[in-house]
């Protein structure tokens, strides 16, 4: 995967924590630590967005639609 170099501004206390993690070999370097943090945050945001959209669904309607589709498919399944 290709990468791009960027410049960021970060609070000194966060940078200190980050440097301690790098020194403890939790991360190989600052870039990898920040990359993983951003990736994790974006994944959580995507998961939260999916959960919010799912919460908008009408469970009884979705169940009825699933059963209707399943009932129409059962007739076309081969006998065993």
PDB file of N, CA and C in Angstrom:
ATOM      1  N   UNK A   1       0.850  -1.167   0.000  1.00  0.00           N
ATOM      2  CA  UNK A   1       0.000   0.000   0.000  1.00  0.00           C
ATOM      3  C   UNK A   1       0.898   1.234   0.000  1.00  0.00           C
ATOM      4  N   UNK A   2       0.537   2.215  -0.781  1.00  0.00           N
ATOM      5  CA  UNK A   2       1.346   3.416  -0.838  1.00  0.00           C
ATOM      6  C   UNK A   2       1.066   4.299   0.380  1.00  0.00           C
ATOM      7  N   UNK A   3       2.029   5.095   0.712  1.00  0.00           N
ATOM      8  CA  UNK A   3       1.903   5.995   1.856  1.00  0.00           C
ATOM      9  C   UNK A   3       2.195   7.415   1.414  1.00  0.00           C
ATOM     10  N   UNK A   4       1.760   8.370   2.225  1.00  0.00           N
ATOM     11  CA  UNK A   4       2.019   9.779   1.960  1.00  0.00           C
ATOM     12  C   UNK A   4       2.578  10.408   3.225  1.00  0.00           C
ATOM     13  N   UNK A   5       3.481  11.316   3.058  1.00  0.00           N
ATOM     14  CA  UNK A   5       4.069  12.009   4.191  1.00  0.00           C
ATOM     15  C   UNK A   5       3.245  13.264   4.461  1.00  0.00           C
ATOM     16  N   UNK A   6       2.902  13.456   5.752  1.00  0.00           N
ATOM     17  CA  UNK A   6       2.145  14.637   6.157  1.00  0.00           C
ATOM     18  C   UNK A   6       2.807  15.253   7.381  1.00  0.00           C
ATOM     19  N   UNK A   7       2.435  16.457   7.690  1.00  0.00           N
ATOM     20  CA  UNK A   7       2.890  17.112   8.918  1.00  0.00           C
ATOM     21  C   UNK A   7       1.669  17.309   9.807  1.00  0.00           C
ATOM     22  N   UNK A   8       1.812  17.044  11.080  1.00  0.00           N
ATOM     23  CA  UNK A   8       0.701  17.227  12.010  1.00  0.00           C
ATOM     24  C   UNK A   8       1.155  18.074  13.191  1.00  0.00           C
ATOM     25  N   UNK A   9       0.188  18.635  13.876  1.00  0.00           N
ATOM     26  CA  UNK A   9       0.425  19.337  15.125  1.00  0.00           C
ATOM     27  C   UNK A   9      -0.223  18.499  16.212  1.00  0.00           C
ATOM     28  N   UNK A  10       0.518  18.240  17.286  1.00  0.00           N
ATOM     29  CA  UNK A  10       0.029  17.380  18.349  1.00  0.00           C
ATOM     30  C   UNK A  10       0.394  18.004  19.699  1.00  0.00           C
ATOM     31  N   UNK A  11      -0.478  17.840  20.664  1.00  0.00           N
ATOM     32  CA  UNK A  11      -0.212  18.379  21.995  1.00  0.00           C
ATOM     33  C   UNK A  11       1.024  17.706  22.584  1.00  0.00           C
ATOM     34  N   UNK A  12       1.803  18.468  23.336  1.00  0.00           N
ATOM     35  CA  UNK A  12       3.057  17.939  23.872  1.00  0.00           C
ATOM     36  C   UNK A  12       2.850  16.740  24.788  1.00  0.00           C
ATOM     37  N   UNK A  13       1.787  16.761  25.599  1.00  0.00           N
ATOM     38  CA  UNK A  13       1.572  15.623  26.500  1.00  0.00           C
ATOM     39  C   UNK A  13       1.251  14.351  25.709  1.00  0.00           C
ATOM     40  N   UNK A  14       0.516  14.475  24.611  1.00  0.00           N
ATOM     41  CA  UNK A  14       0.248  13.309  23.764  1.00  0.00           C
ATOM     42  C   UNK A  14       1.521  12.812  23.099  1.00  0.00           C
ATOM     43  N   UNK A  15       2.345  13.749  22.673  1.00  0.00           N
ATOM     44  CA  UNK A  15       3.604  13.369  22.048  1.00  0.00           C
ATOM     45  C   UNK A  15       4.500  12.644  23.050  1.00  0.00           C
ATOM     46  N   UNK A  16       4.488  13.078  24.282  1.00  0.00           N
ATOM     47  CA  UNK A  16       5.264  12.409  25.314  1.00  0.00           C
ATOM     48  C   UNK A  16       4.796  10.981  25.529  1.00  0.00           C
ATOM     49  N   UNK A  17       3.489  10.799  25.589  1.00  0.00           N
ATOM     50  CA  UNK A  17       2.925   9.448  25.746  1.00  0.00           C
ATOM     51  C   UNK A  17       3.287   8.587  24.541  1.00  0.00           C
ATOM     52  N   UNK A  18       3.183   9.179  23.372  1.00  0.00           N
ATOM     53  CA  UNK A  18       3.518   8.464  22.140  1.00  0.00           C
ATOM     54  C   UNK A  18       4.980   8.034  22.134  1.00  0.00           C
ATOM     55  N   UNK A  19       5.856   8.948  22.514  1.00  0.00           N
ATOM     56  CA  UNK A  19       7.285   8.630  22.538  1.00  0.00           C
ATOM     57  C   UNK A  19       7.601   7.535  23.557  1.00  0.00           C
ATOM     58  N   UNK A  20       6.891   7.526  24.690  1.00  0.00           N
ATOM     59  CA  UNK A  20       7.110   6.464  25.678  1.00  0.00           C
ATOM     60  C   UNK A  20       6.699   5.099  25.112  1.00  0.00           C
ATOM     61  N   UNK A  21       5.618   5.076  24.350  1.00  0.00           N
ATOM     62  CA  UNK A  21       5.193   3.819  23.722  1.00  0.00           C
ATOM     63  C   UNK A  21       6.203   3.347  22.684  1.00  0.00           C
ATOM     64  N   UNK A  22       6.755   4.272  21.933  1.00  0.00           N
ATOM     65  CA  UNK A  22       7.776   3.912  20.947  1.00  0.00           C
ATOM     66  C   UNK A  22       9.028   3.408  21.669  1.00  0.00           C
ATOM     67  N   UNK A  23       9.418   4.101  22.742  1.00  0.00           N
ATOM     68  CA  UNK A  23      10.603   3.686  23.498  1.00  0.00           C
ATOM     69  C   UNK A  23      10.414   2.303  24.119  1.00  0.00           C
ATOM     70  N   UNK A  24       9.160   1.993  24.512  1.00  0.00           N
ATOM     71  CA  UNK A  24       8.859   0.684  25.102  1.00  0.00           C
ATOM     72  C   UNK A  24       8.640  -0.385  24.026  1.00  0.00           C
ATOM     73  N   UNK A  25       8.837  -0.024  22.777  1.00  0.00           N
ATOM     74  CA  UNK A  25       8.699  -0.935  21.633  1.00  0.00           C
ATOM     75  C   UNK A  25       7.266  -1.446  21.445  1.00  0.00           C
ATOM     76  N   UNK A  26       6.294  -0.648  21.901  1.00  0.00           N
ATOM     77  CA  UNK A  26       4.900  -0.969  21.613  1.00  0.00           C
ATOM     78  C   UNK A  26       4.639  -0.688  20.130  1.00  0.00           C
ATOM     79  N   UNK A  27       5.261   0.371  19.626  1.00  0.00           N
ATOM     80  CA  UNK A  27       5.211   0.731  18.215  1.00  0.00           C
ATOM     81  C   UNK A  27       6.639   0.917  17.730  1.00  0.00           C
ATOM     82  N   UNK A  28       6.899   0.617  16.453  1.00  0.00           N
ATOM     83  CA  UNK A  28       8.269   0.776  15.951  1.00  0.00           C
ATOM     84  C   UNK A  28       8.688   2.236  15.807  1.00  0.00           C
ATOM     85  N   UNK A  29       7.705   3.116  15.582  1.00  0.00           N
ATOM     86  CA  UNK A  29       8.021   4.538  15.413  1.00  0.00           C
ATOM     87  C   UNK A  29       6.743   5.365  15.568  1.00  0.00           C
ATOM     88  N   UNK A  30       6.892   6.669  15.591  1.00  0.00           N
ATOM     89  CA  UNK A  30       5.740   7.575  15.753  1.00  0.00           C
ATOM     90  C   UNK A  30       4.743   7.407  14.605  1.00  0.00           C
ATOM     91  N   UNK A  31       5.274   7.308  13.402  1.00  0.00           N
ATOM     92  CA  UNK A  31       4.392   7.221  12.237  1.00  0.00           C
ATOM     93  C   UNK A  31       3.466   6.013  12.319  1.00  0.00           C
ATOM     94  N   UNK A  32       4.027   4.874  12.688  1.00  0.00           N
ATOM     95  CA  UNK A  32       3.217   3.659  12.776  1.00  0.00           C
ATOM     96  C   UNK A  32       2.168   3.800  13.876  1.00  0.00           C
ATOM     97  N   UNK A  33       2.529   4.392  14.992  1.00  0.00           N
ATOM     98  CA  UNK A  33       1.589   4.585  16.098  1.00  0.00           C
ATOM     99  C   UNK A  33       0.432   5.487  15.674  1.00  0.00           C
ATOM    100  N   UNK A  34       0.762   6.567  15.019  1.00  0.00           N
ATOM    101  CA  UNK A  34      -0.287   7.504  14.584  1.00  0.00           C
ATOM    102  C   UNK A  34      -1.141   6.869  13.501  1.00  0.00           C
ATOM    103  N   UNK A  35      -0.526   6.135  12.586  1.00  0.00           N
ATOM    104  CA  UNK A  35      -1.277   5.450  11.526  1.00  0.00           C
ATOM    105  C   UNK A  35      -2.274   4.477  12.131  1.00  0.00           C
ATOM    106  N   UNK A  36      -1.845   3.683  13.110  1.00  0.00           N
ATOM    107  CA  UNK A  36      -2.750   2.725  13.748  1.00  0.00           C
ATOM    108  C   UNK A  36      -3.861   3.429  14.519  1.00  0.00           C
ATOM    109  N   UNK A  37      -3.530   4.538  15.181  1.00  0.00           N
ATOM    110  CA  UNK A  37      -4.538   5.276  15.938  1.00  0.00           C
ATOM    111  C   UNK A  37      -5.611   5.844  15.011  1.00  0.00           C
ATOM    112  N   UNK A  38      -5.194   6.405  13.895  1.00  0.00           N
ATOM    113  CA  UNK A  38      -6.151   6.964  12.936  1.00  0.00           C
ATOM    114  C   UNK A  38      -6.995   5.846  12.335  1.00  0.00           C
ATOM    115  N   UNK A  39      -6.361   4.748  11.979  1.00  0.00           N
ATOM    116  CA  UNK A  39      -7.089   3.617  11.412  1.00  0.00           C
ATOM    117  C   UNK A  39      -8.136   3.083  12.390  1.00  0.00           C
ATOM    118  N   UNK A  40      -7.747   2.912  13.660  1.00  0.00           N
ATOM    119  CA  UNK A  40      -8.688   2.436  14.679  1.00  0.00           C
ATOM    120  C   UNK A  40      -9.851   3.401  14.861  1.00  0.00           C
ATOM    121  N   UNK A  41      -9.563   4.688  14.898  1.00  0.00           N
ATOM    122  CA  UNK A  41     -10.614   5.692  15.078  1.00  0.00           C
ATOM    123  C   UNK A  41     -11.595   5.664  13.912  1.00  0.00           C
ATOM    124  N   UNK A  42     -11.091   5.594  12.694  1.00  0.00           N
ATOM    125  CA  UNK A  42     -11.963   5.556  11.521  1.00  0.00           C
ATOM    126  C   UNK A  42     -12.816   4.288  11.507  1.00  0.00           C
ATOM    127  N   UNK A  43     -12.239   3.170  11.910  1.00  0.00           N
ATOM    128  CA  UNK A  43     -13.001   1.919  11.972  1.00  0.00           C
ATOM    129  C   UNK A  43     -14.118   2.018  13.000  1.00  0.00           C
ATOM    130  N   UNK A  44     -13.839   2.626  14.166  1.00  0.00           N
ATOM    131  CA  UNK A  44     -14.880   2.800  15.184  1.00  0.00           C
ATOM    132  C   UNK A  44     -15.983   3.721  14.690  1.00  0.00           C
ATOM    133  N   UNK A  45     -15.606   4.764  13.957  1.00  0.00           N
ATOM    134  CA  UNK A  45     -16.608   5.685  13.409  1.00  0.00           C
ATOM    135  C   UNK A  45     -17.494   4.964  12.405  1.00  0.00           C
ATOM    136  N   UNK A  46     -16.898   4.133  11.545  1.00  0.00           N
ATOM    137  CA  UNK A  46     -17.675   3.360  10.574  1.00  0.00           C
ATOM    138  C   UNK A  46     -18.619   2.400  11.281  1.00  0.00           C
ATOM    139  N   UNK A  47     -18.134   1.744  12.324  1.00  0.00           N
ATOM    140  CA  UNK A  47     -18.953   0.787  13.076  1.00  0.00           C
ATOM    141  C   UNK A  47     -20.122   1.513  13.751  1.00  0.00           C
ATOM    142  N   UNK A  48     -19.840   2.675  14.327  1.00  0.00           N
ATOM    143  CA  UNK A  48     -20.893   3.446  14.993  1.00  0.00           C
ATOM    144  C   UNK A  48     -21.944   3.896  13.968  1.00  0.00           C
ATOM    145  N   UNK A  49     -21.487   4.327  12.800  1.00  0.00           N
ATOM    146  CA  UNK A  49     -22.411   4.763  11.751  1.00  0.00           C
ATOM    147  C   UNK A  49     -23.292   3.602  11.299  1.00  0.00           C
ATOM    148  N   UNK A  50     -22.713   2.419  11.146  1.00  0.00           N
ATOM    149  CA  UNK A  50     -23.481   1.238  10.764  1.00  0.00           C
ATOM    150  C   UNK A  50     -24.506   0.899  11.843  1.00  0.00           C
ATOM    151  N   UNK A  51     -24.083   0.967  13.104  1.00  0.00           N
ATOM    152  CA  UNK A  51     -24.996   0.675  14.215  1.00  0.00           C
ATOM    153  C   UNK A  51     -26.148   1.682  14.241  1.00  0.00           C
ATOM    154  N   UNK A  52     -25.858   2.939  13.974  1.00  0.00           N
ATOM    155  CA  UNK A  52     -26.920   3.955  13.952  1.00  0.00           C
ATOM    156  C   UNK A  52     -27.913   3.679  12.827  1.00  0.00           C
ATOM    157  N   UNK A  53     -27.412   3.319  11.663  1.00  0.00           N
ATOM    158  CA  UNK A  53     -28.306   3.019  10.541  1.00  0.00           C
ATOM    159  C   UNK A  53     -29.127   1.767  10.836  1.00  0.00           C
ATOM    160  N   UNK A  54     -28.520   0.770  11.436  1.00  0.00           N
ATOM    161  CA  UNK A  54     -29.252  -0.456  11.776  1.00  0.00           C
ATOM    162  C   UNK A  54     -30.333  -0.191  12.805  1.00  0.00           C
ATOM    163  N   UNK A  55     -30.076   0.745  13.714  1.00  0.00           N
ATOM    164  CA  UNK A  55     -31.075   1.045  14.740  1.00  0.00           C
ATOM    165  C   UNK A  55     -32.318   1.703  14.148  1.00  0.00           C
ATOM    166  N   UNK A  56     -32.198   2.242  12.955  1.00  0.00           N
ATOM    167  CA  UNK A  56     -33.341   2.875  12.286  1.00  0.00           C
ATOM    168  C   UNK A  56     -34.276   1.851  11.642  1.00  0.00           C
ATOM    169  N   UNK A  57     -33.798   0.622  11.492  1.00  0.00           N
ATOM    170  CA  UNK A  57     -34.609  -0.400  10.836  1.00  0.00           C
ATOM    171  C   UNK A  57     -35.773  -0.833  11.721  1.00  0.00           C
ATOM    172  N   UNK A  58     -36.882  -1.160  11.082  1.00  0.00           N
ATOM    173  CA  UNK A  58     -38.047  -1.714  11.773  1.00  0.00           C
ATOM    174  C   UNK A  58     -37.860  -3.225  11.815  1.00  0.00           C
ATOM    175  N   UNK A  59     -37.594  -3.745  13.007  1.00  0.00           N
ATOM    176  CA  UNK A  59     -37.260  -5.164  13.142  1.00  0.00           C
ATOM    177  C   UNK A  59     -38.372  -6.077  12.644  1.00  0.00           C
ATOM    178  N   UNK A  60     -39.599  -5.752  12.948  1.00  0.00           N
ATOM    179  CA  UNK A  60     -40.697  -6.634  12.522  1.00  0.00           C
ATOM    180  C   UNK A  60     -40.844  -6.608  10.993  1.00  0.00           C
ATOM    181  N   UNK A  61     -40.675  -5.445  10.381  1.00  0.00           N
ATOM    182  CA  UNK A  61     -40.754  -5.352   8.925  1.00  0.00           C
ATOM    183  C   UNK A  61     -39.612  -6.148   8.287  1.00  0.00           C
ATOM    184  N   UNK A  62     -38.390  -5.983   8.796  1.00  0.00           N
ATOM    185  CA  UNK A  62     -37.243  -6.698   8.248  1.00  0.00           C
ATOM    186  C   UNK A  62     -37.409  -8.206   8.407  1.00  0.00           C
ATOM    187  N   UNK A  63     -37.954  -8.640   9.547  1.00  0.00           N
ATOM    188  CA  UNK A  63     -38.191 -10.064   9.777  1.00  0.00           C
ATOM    189  C   UNK A  63     -39.215 -10.600   8.783  1.00  0.00           C
ATOM    190  N   UNK A  64     -40.287  -9.830   8.575  1.00  0.00           N
ATOM    191  CA  UNK A  64     -41.323 -10.249   7.632  1.00  0.00           C
ATOM    192  C   UNK A  64     -40.758 -10.344   6.219  1.00  0.00           C
ATOM    193  N   UNK A  65     -39.923  -9.381   5.842  1.00  0.00           N
ATOM    194  CA  UNK A  65     -39.319  -9.410   4.504  1.00  0.00           C
ATOM    195  C   UNK A  65     -38.395 -10.618   4.357  1.00  0.00           C
ATOM    196  N   UNK A  66     -37.638 -10.917   5.387  1.00  0.00           N
ATOM    197  CA  UNK A  66     -36.732 -12.061   5.331  1.00  0.00           C
ATOM    198  C   UNK A  66     -37.517 -13.367   5.225  1.00  0.00           C
ATOM    199  N   UNK A  67     -38.575 -13.482   6.011  1.00  0.00           N
ATOM    200  CA  UNK A  67     -39.378 -14.706   5.959  1.00  0.00           C
ATOM    201  C   UNK A  67     -40.097 -14.839   4.633  1.00  0.00           C
ATOM    202  N   UNK A  68     -40.565 -13.730   4.088  1.00  0.00           N
ATOM    203  CA  UNK A  68     -41.232 -13.774   2.783  1.00  0.00           C
ATOM    204  C   UNK A  68     -40.256 -14.254   1.710  1.00  0.00           C
ATOM    205  N   UNK A  69     -39.055 -13.733   1.727  1.00  0.00           N
ATOM    206  CA  UNK A  69     -38.049 -14.157   0.758  1.00  0.00           C
ATOM    207  C   UNK A  69     -37.671 -15.610   0.951  1.00  0.00           C
ATOM    208  N   UNK A  70     -37.540 -16.024   2.195  1.00  0.00           N
ATOM    209  CA  UNK A  70     -37.183 -17.405   2.492  1.00  0.00           C
ATOM    210  C   UNK A  70     -38.290 -18.356   2.065  1.00  0.00           C
ATOM    211  N   UNK A  71     -39.542 -18.006   2.341  1.00  0.00           N
ATOM    212  CA  UNK A  71     -40.670 -18.862   1.958  1.00  0.00           C
ATOM    213  C   UNK A  71     -40.742 -19.046   0.457  1.00  0.00           C
ATOM    214  N   UNK A  72     -40.467 -17.997  -0.294  1.00  0.00           N
ATOM    215  CA  UNK A  72     -40.527 -18.137  -1.751  1.00  0.00           C
ATOM    216  C   UNK A  72     -39.358 -18.960  -2.276  1.00  0.00           C
ATOM    217  N   UNK A  73     -38.242 -18.965  -1.565  1.00  0.00           N
ATOM    218  CA  UNK A  73     -37.087 -19.736  -1.999  1.00  0.00           C
ATOM    219  C   UNK A  73     -37.194 -21.207  -1.623  1.00  0.00           C
ATOM    220  N   UNK A  74     -37.858 -21.515  -0.532  1.00  0.00           N
ATOM    221  CA  UNK A  74     -37.943 -22.896  -0.055  1.00  0.00           C
ATOM    222  C   UNK A  74     -38.560 -23.799  -1.122  1.00  0.00           C
ATOM    223  N   UNK A  75     -39.555 -23.297  -1.844  1.00  0.00           N
ATOM    224  CA  UNK A  75     -40.215 -24.104  -2.864  1.00  0.00           C
ATOM    225  C   UNK A  75     -39.244 -24.521  -3.970  1.00  0.00           C
ATOM    226  N   UNK A  76     -38.218 -23.720  -4.210  1.00  0.00           N
ATOM    227  CA  UNK A  76     -37.290 -24.037  -5.301  1.00  0.00           C
ATOM    228  C   UNK A  76     -36.099 -24.869  -4.835  1.00  0.00           C
ATOM    229  N   UNK A  77     -36.007 -25.162  -3.534  1.00  0.00           N
ATOM    230  CA  UNK A  77     -34.906 -25.980  -3.029  1.00  0.00           C
ATOM    231  C   UNK A  77     -35.141 -27.432  -3.378  1.00  0.00           C
ATOM    232  N   UNK A  78     -34.094 -28.167  -3.731  1.00  0.00           N
ATOM    233  CA  UNK A  78     -34.262 -29.578  -4.077  1.00  0.00           C
ATOM    234  C   UNK A  78     -34.570 -30.427  -2.836  1.00  0.00           C
ATOM    235  N   UNK A  79     -35.273 -31.527  -3.054  1.00  0.00           N
ATOM    236  CA  UNK A  79     -35.586 -32.466  -1.967  1.00  0.00           C
ATOM    237  C   UNK A  79     -34.308 -33.234  -1.620  1.00  0.00           C
ATOM    238  N   UNK A  80     -34.118 -33.563  -0.356  1.00  0.00           N
ATOM    239  CA  UNK A  80     -32.967 -34.356   0.068  1.00  0.00           C
ATOM    240  C   UNK A  80     -33.395 -35.691   0.573  1.00  0.00           C
TER     241      UNK A  80
END
